[in-house]
Structure formats: C-alpha cells, structure tokens
Amino acid sequence: MSYYLLAGWSELVAIVVASIIGYTLMGIVANHRLSRYYSLYILRKKLIINNALWGFLVVDLANIEHITKIDKKLDDHDKPQQNNILTIGNGDANIFISFHADVVYHGVMGQLPEPISQVYLSVDKPAQFIEKVNLVRVAD
C-alpha cells in the first residue's frame, strides 16, 4: 500500500519505505515466534535462554551451580544488588539460576556481550522446568 501511495512521487522512496515496512513486519513476527516457542530449550547439553531476538544466553549445564524455584514475589530489595544479574520473562520471577563461572549474555542481537552470574526467570511451569533441567544434568 505504501509503495503505491509513494510511487507516483518517487519510485526510489517507495521502494525504500516498502522495504523498511516489510522487514519490520517480518522482524515482529520472528520476534513473537522466537519468544513464544523457542525461549527455553536444551541443545547438546547446553541450556539456551532466548530473550526474543534481542538477546540470548547459552549455559553449559555443568556450569549451573544451583537452580531453585522462587515461591514468593521478589521485590528489588530482595535481589542482590550486583551488575551481573539478568532477569528475563514477563511477570514475577519464579526461577533462580546461579552459575559456577560467569556466562556471556549476548544482548542487542549479539552486539553487547555481558558476563552474567545469576539469572531470574519467569516461566509458566517452574517445577517442570527444574525437573527437566535436572534430569538432563543427571544424565551426564
């Protein structure tokens, strides 16, 4: 639609605007699908935590120090005040994961790598998530 509206004025501008709109729509759909269906999974003894298209964390399962379920809502003063803590998910965090050694979080589509030592996650079924991660860890 934007192409036809702008084509009479300038075909080059119409192509650029239509391309930007097309790639934006494709990015929105990809971001939704990635965050909805591929946000947490285990691949080759590594836990992959996706924060949609904007960032991801790849954790070797042997590097997980402990993983626990959080039963109460955490306020900001309940969490340790460190720079290398990551919170991912919509809603209150219900999973806490700490690592033996820092893990690199690739933020802004991999442009800003940051060391992370702890992660707070919000997942739909925390007990099932912990069970599956521990099951794969024990299988090693």
N, C-alpha and C. Protein backbone atom coordinates (compact mmCIF):
# COMPACT_ATOMS: atom_id res chain seq x y z
N MET A 1 0.82 -1.19 0.00
CA MET A 1 0.00 0.00 0.00
C MET A 1 0.87 1.26 0.00
N SER A 2 1.93 1.26 0.86
CA SER A 2 2.80 2.43 0.92
C SER A 2 3.53 2.64 -0.41
N TYR A 3 3.86 1.53 -1.07
CA TYR A 3 4.55 1.64 -2.35
C TYR A 3 3.68 2.39 -3.37
N TYR A 4 2.42 1.99 -3.45
CA TYR A 4 1.52 2.62 -4.42
C TYR A 4 1.24 4.08 -4.09
N LEU A 5 1.21 4.41 -2.81
CA LEU A 5 0.99 5.80 -2.43
C LEU A 5 2.19 6.69 -2.76
N LEU A 6 3.39 6.13 -2.66
CA LEU A 6 4.60 6.93 -2.89
C LEU A 6 5.18 6.78 -4.29
N ALA A 7 4.76 5.78 -5.04
CA ALA A 7 5.36 5.50 -6.36
C ALA A 7 5.16 6.65 -7.34
N GLY A 8 4.04 7.32 -7.26
CA GLY A 8 3.80 8.46 -8.16
C GLY A 8 4.72 9.62 -7.88
N TRP A 9 5.13 9.78 -6.65
CA TRP A 9 6.01 10.88 -6.28
C TRP A 9 7.48 10.52 -6.52
N SER A 10 7.92 9.34 -5.98
CA SER A 10 9.30 8.90 -6.18
C SER A 10 9.35 7.38 -6.01
N GLU A 11 9.73 6.71 -7.06
CA GLU A 11 9.78 5.25 -7.01
C GLU A 11 10.87 4.76 -6.06
N LEU A 12 11.98 5.45 -6.00
CA LEU A 12 13.06 5.06 -5.10
C LEU A 12 12.62 5.15 -3.64
N VAL A 13 11.99 6.24 -3.27
CA VAL A 13 11.49 6.39 -1.90
C VAL A 13 10.44 5.33 -1.61
N ALA A 14 9.59 5.02 -2.58
CA ALA A 14 8.56 4.00 -2.40
C ALA A 14 9.18 2.63 -2.12
N ILE A 15 10.25 2.30 -2.84
CA ILE A 15 10.92 1.02 -2.63
C ILE A 15 11.55 0.97 -1.24
N VAL A 16 12.22 2.04 -0.85
CA VAL A 16 12.87 2.08 0.47
C VAL A 16 11.83 1.96 1.59
N VAL A 17 10.75 2.72 1.52
CA VAL A 17 9.72 2.69 2.56
C VAL A 17 9.04 1.32 2.61
N ALA A 18 8.70 0.76 1.46
CA ALA A 18 8.07 -0.56 1.42
C ALA A 18 9.01 -1.64 1.98
N SER A 19 10.30 -1.53 1.70
CA SER A 19 11.28 -2.49 2.23
C SER A 19 11.39 -2.39 3.75
N ILE A 20 11.44 -1.17 4.26
CA ILE A 20 11.52 -0.99 5.71
C ILE A 20 10.28 -1.55 6.39
N ILE A 21 9.12 -1.28 5.85
CA ILE A 21 7.87 -1.81 6.43
C ILE A 21 7.85 -3.33 6.35
N GLY A 22 8.27 -3.90 5.22
CA GLY A 22 8.29 -5.36 5.07
C GLY A 22 9.23 -6.03 6.06
N TYR A 23 10.45 -5.50 6.20
CA TYR A 23 11.41 -6.09 7.15
C TYR A 23 10.96 -5.90 8.60
N THR A 24 10.31 -4.79 8.89
CA THR A 24 9.79 -4.57 10.24
C THR A 24 8.71 -5.58 10.59
N LEU A 25 7.78 -5.81 9.67
CA LEU A 25 6.74 -6.81 9.91
C LEU A 25 7.33 -8.21 10.07
N MET A 26 8.31 -8.54 9.24
CA MET A 26 8.96 -9.84 9.34
C MET A 26 9.69 -9.96 10.68
N GLY A 27 10.33 -8.89 11.13
CA GLY A 27 11.02 -8.90 12.42
C GLY A 27 10.06 -9.05 13.59
N ILE A 28 8.92 -8.41 13.51
CA ILE A 28 7.91 -8.53 14.57
C ILE A 28 7.40 -9.96 14.66
N VAL A 29 7.10 -10.57 13.53
CA VAL A 29 6.63 -11.96 13.53
C VAL A 29 7.72 -12.90 14.04
N ALA A 30 8.95 -12.71 13.59
CA ALA A 30 10.06 -13.56 14.06
C ALA A 30 10.29 -13.38 15.55
N ASN A 31 10.23 -12.16 16.03
CA ASN A 31 10.41 -11.89 17.46
C ASN A 31 9.32 -12.58 18.27
N HIS A 32 8.09 -12.52 17.82
CA HIS A 32 6.99 -13.18 18.53
C HIS A 32 7.16 -14.69 18.54
N ARG A 33 7.46 -15.27 17.39
CA ARG A 33 7.62 -16.72 17.32
C ARG A 33 8.79 -17.21 18.18
N LEU A 34 9.90 -16.50 18.13
CA LEU A 34 11.06 -16.90 18.91
C LEU A 34 10.79 -16.81 20.40
N SER A 35 10.19 -15.72 20.84
CA SER A 35 9.95 -15.56 22.27
C SER A 35 8.82 -16.46 22.75
N ARG A 36 7.89 -16.81 21.88
CA ARG A 36 6.75 -17.64 22.29
C ARG A 36 7.10 -19.13 22.30
N TYR A 37 7.82 -19.60 21.28
CA TYR A 37 8.02 -21.03 21.11
C TYR A 37 9.45 -21.51 21.35
N TYR A 38 10.42 -20.64 21.34
CA TYR A 38 11.81 -21.07 21.49
C TYR A 38 12.53 -20.25 22.55
N SER A 39 11.87 -19.95 23.66
CA SER A 39 12.51 -19.11 24.67
C SER A 39 13.45 -19.90 25.58
N LEU A 40 13.12 -21.16 25.88
CA LEU A 40 13.98 -22.01 26.71
C LEU A 40 14.05 -23.39 26.09
N TYR A 41 15.25 -23.87 25.86
CA TYR A 41 15.40 -25.24 25.38
C TYR A 41 16.81 -25.74 25.68
N ILE A 42 16.95 -27.06 25.63
CA ILE A 42 18.25 -27.69 25.87
C ILE A 42 18.71 -28.31 24.56
N LEU A 43 19.94 -27.99 24.19
CA LEU A 43 20.53 -28.49 22.95
C LEU A 43 21.98 -28.83 23.22
N ARG A 44 22.35 -30.10 22.99
CA ARG A 44 23.73 -30.56 23.16
C ARG A 44 24.31 -30.23 24.54
N LYS A 45 23.57 -30.56 25.58
CA LYS A 45 23.98 -30.36 26.97
C LYS A 45 24.19 -28.89 27.33
N LYS A 46 23.46 -28.01 26.63
CA LYS A 46 23.50 -26.59 26.92
C LYS A 46 22.08 -26.07 27.05
N LEU A 47 21.86 -25.21 28.02
CA LEU A 47 20.58 -24.55 28.21
C LEU A 47 20.63 -23.23 27.46
N ILE A 48 19.69 -23.05 26.53
CA ILE A 48 19.63 -21.81 25.76
C ILE A 48 18.44 -21.02 26.27
N ILE A 49 18.70 -19.79 26.67
CA ILE A 49 17.67 -18.88 27.15
C ILE A 49 17.61 -17.72 26.17
N ASN A 50 16.52 -17.64 25.42
CA ASN A 50 16.35 -16.57 24.45
C ASN A 50 15.51 -15.45 25.04
N ASN A 51 15.94 -14.25 24.82
CA ASN A 51 15.17 -13.07 25.18
C ASN A 51 14.67 -12.46 23.88
N ALA A 52 13.84 -13.23 23.16
CA ALA A 52 13.35 -12.87 21.84
C ALA A 52 14.53 -12.69 20.88
N LEU A 53 14.45 -11.76 19.96
CA LEU A 53 15.56 -11.52 19.03
C LEU A 53 16.64 -10.66 19.65
N TRP A 54 16.38 -10.08 20.81
CA TRP A 54 17.27 -9.06 21.33
C TRP A 54 18.41 -9.59 22.17
N GLY A 55 18.35 -10.82 22.61
CA GLY A 55 19.45 -11.34 23.39
C GLY A 55 19.28 -12.80 23.72
N PHE A 56 20.39 -13.46 24.00
CA PHE A 56 20.33 -14.87 24.36
C PHE A 56 21.50 -15.22 25.26
N LEU A 57 21.32 -16.33 25.96
CA LEU A 57 22.31 -16.83 26.91
C LEU A 57 22.45 -18.32 26.67
N VAL A 58 23.67 -18.79 26.48
CA VAL A 58 23.94 -20.21 26.29
C VAL A 58 24.74 -20.69 27.51
N VAL A 59 24.13 -21.61 28.27
CA VAL A 59 24.71 -22.06 29.52
C VAL A 59 25.05 -23.54 29.42
N ASP A 60 26.29 -23.88 29.67
CA ASP A 60 26.67 -25.29 29.77
C ASP A 60 26.03 -25.84 31.04
N LEU A 61 25.32 -26.95 30.94
CA LEU A 61 24.60 -27.49 32.09
C LEU A 61 25.53 -27.82 33.26
N ALA A 62 26.79 -28.14 32.98
CA ALA A 62 27.74 -28.41 34.05
C ALA A 62 28.13 -27.13 34.80
N ASN A 63 27.88 -25.97 34.21
CA ASN A 63 28.20 -24.69 34.83
C ASN A 63 27.10 -24.20 35.78
N ILE A 64 25.96 -24.86 35.81
CA ILE A 64 24.88 -24.45 36.71
C ILE A 64 25.22 -24.89 38.13
N GLU A 65 25.36 -23.92 39.01
CA GLU A 65 25.66 -24.21 40.40
C GLU A 65 24.41 -24.73 41.10
N HIS A 66 23.32 -23.97 41.02
CA HIS A 66 22.05 -24.46 41.52
C HIS A 66 20.90 -23.74 40.82
N ILE A 67 19.78 -24.42 40.81
CA ILE A 67 18.57 -23.90 40.19
C ILE A 67 17.44 -24.13 41.19
N THR A 68 16.75 -23.06 41.53
CA THR A 68 15.70 -23.17 42.55
C THR A 68 14.44 -22.46 42.11
N LYS A 69 13.35 -22.91 42.69
CA LYS A 69 12.05 -22.29 42.45
C LYS A 69 11.83 -21.20 43.50
N ILE A 70 11.34 -20.06 43.07
CA ILE A 70 11.04 -18.95 43.97
C ILE A 70 9.54 -18.99 44.24
N ASP A 71 9.16 -19.11 45.49
CA ASP A 71 7.74 -19.23 45.83
C ASP A 71 7.07 -17.90 46.12
N LYS A 72 7.82 -16.88 46.44
CA LYS A 72 7.20 -15.60 46.76
C LYS A 72 7.66 -14.55 45.78
N LYS A 73 6.88 -13.49 45.69
CA LYS A 73 7.23 -12.38 44.80
C LYS A 73 8.45 -11.66 45.36
N LEU A 74 9.44 -11.44 44.51
CA LEU A 74 10.65 -10.75 44.93
C LEU A 74 10.54 -9.26 44.64
N ASP A 75 10.84 -8.46 45.63
CA ASP A 75 10.97 -7.02 45.41
C ASP A 75 12.41 -6.73 45.02
N ASP A 76 12.66 -5.52 44.59
CA ASP A 76 14.03 -5.16 44.19
C ASP A 76 15.01 -5.27 45.34
N HIS A 77 14.56 -5.03 46.58
CA HIS A 77 15.48 -5.12 47.71
C HIS A 77 15.76 -6.58 48.10
N ASP A 78 14.96 -7.54 47.61
CA ASP A 78 15.21 -8.96 47.88
C ASP A 78 16.34 -9.51 47.01
N LYS A 79 16.51 -8.94 45.83
CA LYS A 79 17.55 -9.41 44.92
C LYS A 79 18.88 -8.77 45.30
N PRO A 80 19.98 -9.51 45.16
CA PRO A 80 21.29 -8.91 45.42
C PRO A 80 21.55 -7.76 44.44
N GLN A 81 22.19 -6.72 44.90
CA GLN A 81 22.46 -5.56 44.05
C GLN A 81 23.82 -5.72 43.38
N GLN A 82 23.84 -6.50 42.32
CA GLN A 82 25.06 -6.71 41.54
C GLN A 82 24.77 -6.33 40.10
N ASN A 83 25.82 -6.07 39.36
CA ASN A 83 25.66 -5.68 37.95
C ASN A 83 25.44 -6.89 37.04
N ASN A 84 25.89 -8.06 37.44
CA ASN A 84 25.87 -9.21 36.54
C ASN A 84 24.70 -10.16 36.83
N ILE A 85 23.52 -9.59 37.09
CA ILE A 85 22.29 -10.36 37.29
C ILE A 85 21.35 -10.03 36.14
N LEU A 86 20.72 -11.06 35.58
CA LEU A 86 19.82 -10.89 34.46
C LEU A 86 18.42 -11.37 34.85
N THR A 87 17.40 -10.61 34.49
CA THR A 87 16.01 -11.00 34.71
C THR A 87 15.33 -11.09 33.36
N ILE A 88 14.74 -12.27 33.06
CA ILE A 88 14.07 -12.49 31.77
C ILE A 88 12.69 -13.06 32.03
N GLY A 89 11.73 -12.58 31.29
CA GLY A 89 10.38 -13.12 31.37
C GLY A 89 9.37 -12.05 31.68
N ASN A 90 8.13 -12.39 31.41
CA ASN A 90 7.03 -11.48 31.64
C ASN A 90 6.38 -11.84 32.97
N GLY A 91 6.39 -10.93 33.90
CA GLY A 91 5.80 -11.21 35.20
C GLY A 91 6.87 -11.38 36.26
N ASP A 92 6.44 -11.91 37.40
CA ASP A 92 7.35 -12.10 38.53
C ASP A 92 8.27 -13.30 38.29
N ALA A 93 9.52 -13.15 38.69
CA ALA A 93 10.49 -14.24 38.55
C ALA A 93 10.09 -15.39 39.47
N ASN A 94 10.13 -16.62 38.93
CA ASN A 94 9.81 -17.80 39.75
C ASN A 94 10.90 -18.87 39.67
N ILE A 95 11.99 -18.58 38.98
CA ILE A 95 13.15 -19.48 38.88
C ILE A 95 14.41 -18.65 39.13
N PHE A 96 15.32 -19.21 39.91
CA PHE A 96 16.62 -18.58 40.14
C PHE A 96 17.71 -19.57 39.74
N ILE A 97 18.63 -19.12 38.90
CA ILE A 97 19.75 -19.96 38.46
C ILE A 97 21.04 -19.21 38.76
N SER A 98 21.98 -19.89 39.41
CA SER A 98 23.30 -19.30 39.60
C SER A 98 24.33 -20.22 38.95
N PHE A 99 25.46 -19.64 38.58
CA PHE A 99 26.48 -20.35 37.82
C PHE A 99 27.79 -20.42 38.59
N HIS A 100 28.58 -21.46 38.31
CA HIS A 100 29.92 -21.58 38.89
C HIS A 100 30.82 -20.47 38.35
N ALA A 101 30.75 -20.25 37.05
CA ALA A 101 31.54 -19.20 36.39
C ALA A 101 30.59 -18.34 35.55
N ASP A 102 30.98 -17.10 35.31
CA ASP A 102 30.14 -16.20 34.53
C ASP A 102 29.86 -16.76 33.14
N VAL A 103 28.67 -16.46 32.64
CA VAL A 103 28.22 -16.86 31.31
C VAL A 103 28.00 -15.58 30.51
N VAL A 104 28.29 -15.61 29.22
CA VAL A 104 28.15 -14.40 28.40
C VAL A 104 26.72 -14.29 27.87
N TYR A 105 26.09 -13.17 28.19
CA TYR A 105 24.78 -12.83 27.64
C TYR A 105 25.01 -11.96 26.42
N HIS A 106 24.53 -12.40 25.28
CA HIS A 106 24.71 -11.66 24.03
C HIS A 106 23.47 -10.78 23.84
N GLY A 107 23.57 -9.53 24.27
CA GLY A 107 22.45 -8.60 24.19
C GLY A 107 22.44 -7.82 22.90
N VAL A 108 21.31 -7.22 22.60
CA VAL A 108 21.09 -6.39 21.42
C VAL A 108 21.53 -7.14 20.16
N MET A 109 20.94 -8.31 19.98
CA MET A 109 21.21 -9.18 18.83
C MET A 109 22.69 -9.53 18.73
N GLY A 110 23.35 -9.73 19.87
CA GLY A 110 24.75 -10.15 19.89
C GLY A 110 25.75 -9.02 19.89
N GLN A 111 25.29 -7.78 19.92
CA GLN A 111 26.20 -6.64 19.83
C GLN A 111 26.83 -6.25 21.16
N LEU A 112 26.16 -6.56 22.28
CA LEU A 112 26.66 -6.15 23.59
C LEU A 112 26.82 -7.36 24.51
N PRO A 113 27.94 -8.06 24.46
CA PRO A 113 28.14 -9.20 25.36
C PRO A 113 28.41 -8.73 26.79
N GLU A 114 27.77 -9.40 27.75
CA GLU A 114 27.93 -9.06 29.16
C GLU A 114 28.10 -10.34 29.98
N PRO A 115 28.98 -10.33 30.98
CA PRO A 115 29.10 -11.50 31.86
C PRO A 115 27.93 -11.54 32.84
N ILE A 116 27.34 -12.73 33.01
CA ILE A 116 26.18 -12.92 33.89
C ILE A 116 26.51 -14.05 34.87
N SER A 117 26.24 -13.83 36.16
CA SER A 117 26.49 -14.86 37.16
C SER A 117 25.20 -15.45 37.73
N GLN A 118 24.09 -14.72 37.60
CA GLN A 118 22.80 -15.19 38.11
C GLN A 118 21.69 -14.78 37.15
N VAL A 119 20.67 -15.63 37.06
CA VAL A 119 19.53 -15.34 36.20
C VAL A 119 18.24 -15.57 36.98
N TYR A 120 17.34 -14.61 36.87
CA TYR A 120 15.98 -14.76 37.38
C TYR A 120 15.07 -14.92 36.18
N LEU A 121 14.28 -16.00 36.16
CA LEU A 121 13.40 -16.28 35.03
C LEU A 121 11.94 -16.31 35.48
N SER A 122 11.08 -15.95 34.57
CA SER A 122 9.65 -16.12 34.78
C SER A 122 9.18 -17.13 33.75
N VAL A 123 8.76 -18.31 34.21
CA VAL A 123 8.31 -19.38 33.33
C VAL A 123 6.91 -19.82 33.73
N ASP A 124 6.20 -20.47 32.80
CA ASP A 124 4.83 -20.91 33.07
C ASP A 124 4.77 -22.05 34.09
N LYS A 125 5.65 -23.03 33.93
CA LYS A 125 5.65 -24.21 34.80
C LYS A 125 7.03 -24.39 35.42
N PRO A 126 7.32 -23.69 36.52
CA PRO A 126 8.68 -23.73 37.08
C PRO A 126 9.11 -25.11 37.56
N ALA A 127 8.23 -25.86 38.18
CA ALA A 127 8.61 -27.19 38.68
C ALA A 127 8.98 -28.12 37.53
N GLN A 128 8.23 -28.06 36.46
CA GLN A 128 8.51 -28.89 35.29
C GLN A 128 9.83 -28.48 34.64
N PHE A 129 10.10 -27.19 34.57
CA PHE A 129 11.36 -26.70 34.01
C PHE A 129 12.55 -27.20 34.81
N ILE A 130 12.49 -27.06 36.14
CA ILE A 130 13.58 -27.52 37.01
C ILE A 130 13.78 -29.02 36.88
N GLU A 131 12.69 -29.76 36.83
CA GLU A 131 12.78 -31.21 36.70
C GLU A 131 13.48 -31.62 35.41
N LYS A 132 13.13 -30.99 34.31
CA LYS A 132 13.74 -31.35 33.02
C LYS A 132 15.22 -30.97 32.98
N VAL A 133 15.56 -29.82 33.51
CA VAL A 133 16.97 -29.41 33.51
C VAL A 133 17.78 -30.37 34.39
N ASN A 134 17.28 -30.69 35.57
CA ASN A 134 18.00 -31.59 36.46
C ASN A 134 18.09 -33.00 35.88
N LEU A 135 17.06 -33.42 35.15
CA LEU A 135 17.09 -34.74 34.52
C LEU A 135 18.21 -34.84 33.49
N VAL A 136 18.39 -33.81 32.70
CA VAL A 136 19.46 -33.81 31.69
C VAL A 136 20.82 -33.67 32.38
N ARG A 137 20.90 -32.90 33.44
CA ARG A 137 22.17 -32.75 34.18
C ARG A 137 22.61 -34.06 34.80
N VAL A 138 21.67 -34.82 35.35
CA VAL A 138 21.99 -36.10 35.98
C VAL A 138 22.39 -37.13 34.93
N ALA A 139 21.84 -37.04 33.73
CA ALA A 139 22.14 -37.99 32.67
C ALA A 139 23.60 -37.92 32.23
N ASP A 140 24.28 -36.83 32.56
CA ASP A 140 25.70 -36.71 32.20
C ASP A 140 26.45 -37.72 32.98
